[in-house]
C-alpha cells in the first residue's frame, strides 16, 4: 500500500465514524421521518395534513437514496 491509499482509507466517508453516522441518519430518515416527522409537522408546525404526508414521503425517499448510496459504495453490506 502506498501512503496515498492509507490516507484515503483514513479520511472521508470511509472512516468508521462517518459510516455509522450515515447509517443512523439513513435509518432515521426511513423510519422516523414518515411517522414522527409527519406527526410533528401536523401537530407542532400546524402544516396541512397532505403537505406533511408529502414531506414524509420525501424524507423516506431521501433515506432510501442514502441507503442505496451506502450499499453501492460498499460502505455497508447486506
C-alpha atoms as a PDB file:
ATOM      1  CA  UNK A   1       0.000   0.000   0.000  1.00  0.00           C
ATOM      2  CA  UNK A   2       1.210   3.454  -0.758  1.00  0.00           C
ATOM      3  CA  UNK A   3       0.933   6.413   1.549  1.00  0.00           C
ATOM      4  CA  UNK A   4      -1.914   7.921  -0.517  1.00  0.00           C
ATOM      5  CA  UNK A   5      -4.041   4.783  -0.195  1.00  0.00           C
ATOM      6  CA  UNK A   6      -3.630   4.816   3.582  1.00  0.00           C
ATOM      7  CA  UNK A   7      -4.689   8.464   3.701  1.00  0.00           C
ATOM      8  CA  UNK A   8      -7.788   7.803   1.576  1.00  0.00           C
ATOM      9  CA  UNK A   9      -8.915   4.999   3.890  1.00  0.00           C
ATOM     10  CA  UNK A  10      -8.482   7.187   6.977  1.00  0.00           C
ATOM     11  CA  UNK A  11     -10.219  10.302   5.682  1.00  0.00           C
ATOM     12  CA  UNK A  12     -13.641  10.948   4.216  1.00  0.00           C
ATOM     13  CA  UNK A  13     -16.729   8.756   4.397  1.00  0.00           C
ATOM     14  CA  UNK A  14     -14.673   5.580   4.719  1.00  0.00           C
ATOM     15  CA  UNK A  15     -13.960   6.125   8.405  1.00  0.00           C
ATOM     16  CA  UNK A  16     -15.920   4.134  10.928  1.00  0.00           C
ATOM     17  CA  UNK A  17     -17.412   7.313  12.424  1.00  0.00           C
ATOM     18  CA  UNK A  18     -18.863   8.523   9.117  1.00  0.00           C
ATOM     19  CA  UNK A  19     -20.146   5.073   8.139  1.00  0.00           C
ATOM     20  CA  UNK A  20     -22.029   4.730  11.419  1.00  0.00           C
ATOM     21  CA  UNK A  21     -23.292   8.307  11.262  1.00  0.00           C
ATOM     22  CA  UNK A  22     -24.593   7.932   7.705  1.00  0.00           C
ATOM     23  CA  UNK A  23     -26.325   4.640   8.505  1.00  0.00           C
ATOM     24  CA  UNK A  24     -28.024   6.165  11.562  1.00  0.00           C
ATOM     25  CA  UNK A  25     -29.143   9.216   9.552  1.00  0.00           C
ATOM     26  CA  UNK A  26     -30.453   6.947   6.813  1.00  0.00           C
ATOM     27  CA  UNK A  27     -32.416   4.821   9.290  1.00  0.00           C
ATOM     28  CA  UNK A  28     -33.859   7.915  10.966  1.00  0.00           C
ATOM     29  CA  UNK A  29     -34.995   9.282   7.608  1.00  0.00           C
ATOM     30  CA  UNK A  30     -36.518   5.956   6.579  1.00  0.00           C
ATOM     31  CA  UNK A  31     -38.334   5.072   9.794  1.00  0.00           C
ATOM     32  CA  UNK A  32     -38.788   8.236  11.850  1.00  0.00           C
ATOM     33  CA  UNK A  33     -39.329  10.725   9.016  1.00  0.00           C
ATOM     34  CA  UNK A  34     -42.600   9.325   7.653  1.00  0.00           C
ATOM     35  CA  UNK A  35     -44.045   8.649  11.123  1.00  0.00           C
ATOM     36  CA  UNK A  36     -42.978  11.145  13.769  1.00  0.00           C
ATOM     37  CA  UNK A  37     -41.920  13.727  11.194  1.00  0.00           C
ATOM     38  CA  UNK A  38     -45.420  13.843   9.737  1.00  0.00           C
ATOM     39  CA  UNK A  39     -46.922  13.940  13.235  1.00  0.00           C
ATOM     40  CA  UNK A  40     -44.658  16.854  14.233  1.00  0.00           C
ATOM     41  CA  UNK A  41     -45.486  18.767  11.071  1.00  0.00           C
ATOM     42  CA  UNK A  42     -49.232  18.374  11.632  1.00  0.00           C
ATOM     43  CA  UNK A  43     -49.374  18.976  15.394  1.00  0.00           C
ATOM     44  CA  UNK A  44     -46.482  21.335  16.109  1.00  0.00           C
ATOM     45  CA  UNK A  45     -45.954  23.290  12.897  1.00  0.00           C
ATOM     46  CA  UNK A  46     -49.694  23.195  12.029  1.00  0.00           C
ATOM     47  CA  UNK A  47     -48.928  22.258   8.432  1.00  0.00           C
ATOM     48  CA  UNK A  48     -51.675  20.888   6.223  1.00  0.00           C
ATOM     49  CA  UNK A  49     -52.096  17.106   6.501  1.00  0.00           C
ATOM     50  CA  UNK A  50     -51.461  16.376   2.814  1.00  0.00           C
ATOM     51  CA  UNK A  51     -48.394  18.628   2.723  1.00  0.00           C
ATOM     52  CA  UNK A  52     -46.978  16.828   5.745  1.00  0.00           C
ATOM     53  CA  UNK A  53     -47.651  13.444   4.115  1.00  0.00           C
ATOM     54  CA  UNK A  54     -45.751  14.694   1.053  1.00  0.00           C
ATOM     55  CA  UNK A  55     -42.872  15.785   3.289  1.00  0.00           C
ATOM     56  CA  UNK A  56     -42.870  12.341   4.923  1.00  0.00           C
ATOM     57  CA  UNK A  57     -42.668  10.662   1.536  1.00  0.00           C
ATOM     58  CA  UNK A  58     -39.773  12.934   0.568  1.00  0.00           C
ATOM     59  CA  UNK A  59     -37.930  12.061   3.805  1.00  0.00           C
ATOM     60  CA  UNK A  60     -38.470   8.354   3.109  1.00  0.00           C
ATOM     61  CA  UNK A  61     -37.149   8.653  -0.462  1.00  0.00           C
ATOM     62  CA  UNK A  62     -34.095  10.613   0.699  1.00  0.00           C
ATOM     63  CA  UNK A  63     -33.373   7.965   3.337  1.00  0.00           C
ATOM     64  CA  UNK A  64     -33.697   5.165   0.801  1.00  0.00           C
ATOM     65  CA  UNK A  65     -31.437   7.022  -1.644  1.00  0.00           C
ATOM     66  CA  UNK A  66     -28.823   7.471   1.075  1.00  0.00           C
ATOM     67  CA  UNK A  67     -29.051   3.773   1.962  1.00  0.00           C
ATOM     68  CA  UNK A  68     -28.644   2.772  -1.692  1.00  0.00           C
ATOM     69  CA  UNK A  69     -25.624   5.090  -1.946  1.00  0.00           C
ATOM     70  CA  UNK A  70     -24.037   3.417   1.080  1.00  0.00           C
ATOM     71  CA  UNK A  71     -24.700  -0.054  -0.314  1.00  0.00           C
ATOM     72  CA  UNK A  72     -23.352   0.785  -3.781  1.00  0.00           C
ATOM     73  CA  UNK A  73     -20.179   2.329  -2.358  1.00  0.00           C
ATOM     74  CA  UNK A  74     -19.795  -0.857  -0.293  1.00  0.00           C
ATOM     75  CA  UNK A  75     -19.687   1.122   2.937  1.00  0.00           C
ATOM     76  CA  UNK A  76     -22.217  -1.338   4.348  1.00  0.00           C
ATOM     77  CA  UNK A  77     -23.038  -4.844   3.237  1.00  0.00           C
ATOM     78  CA  UNK A  78     -26.385  -6.564   3.177  1.00  0.00           C
END
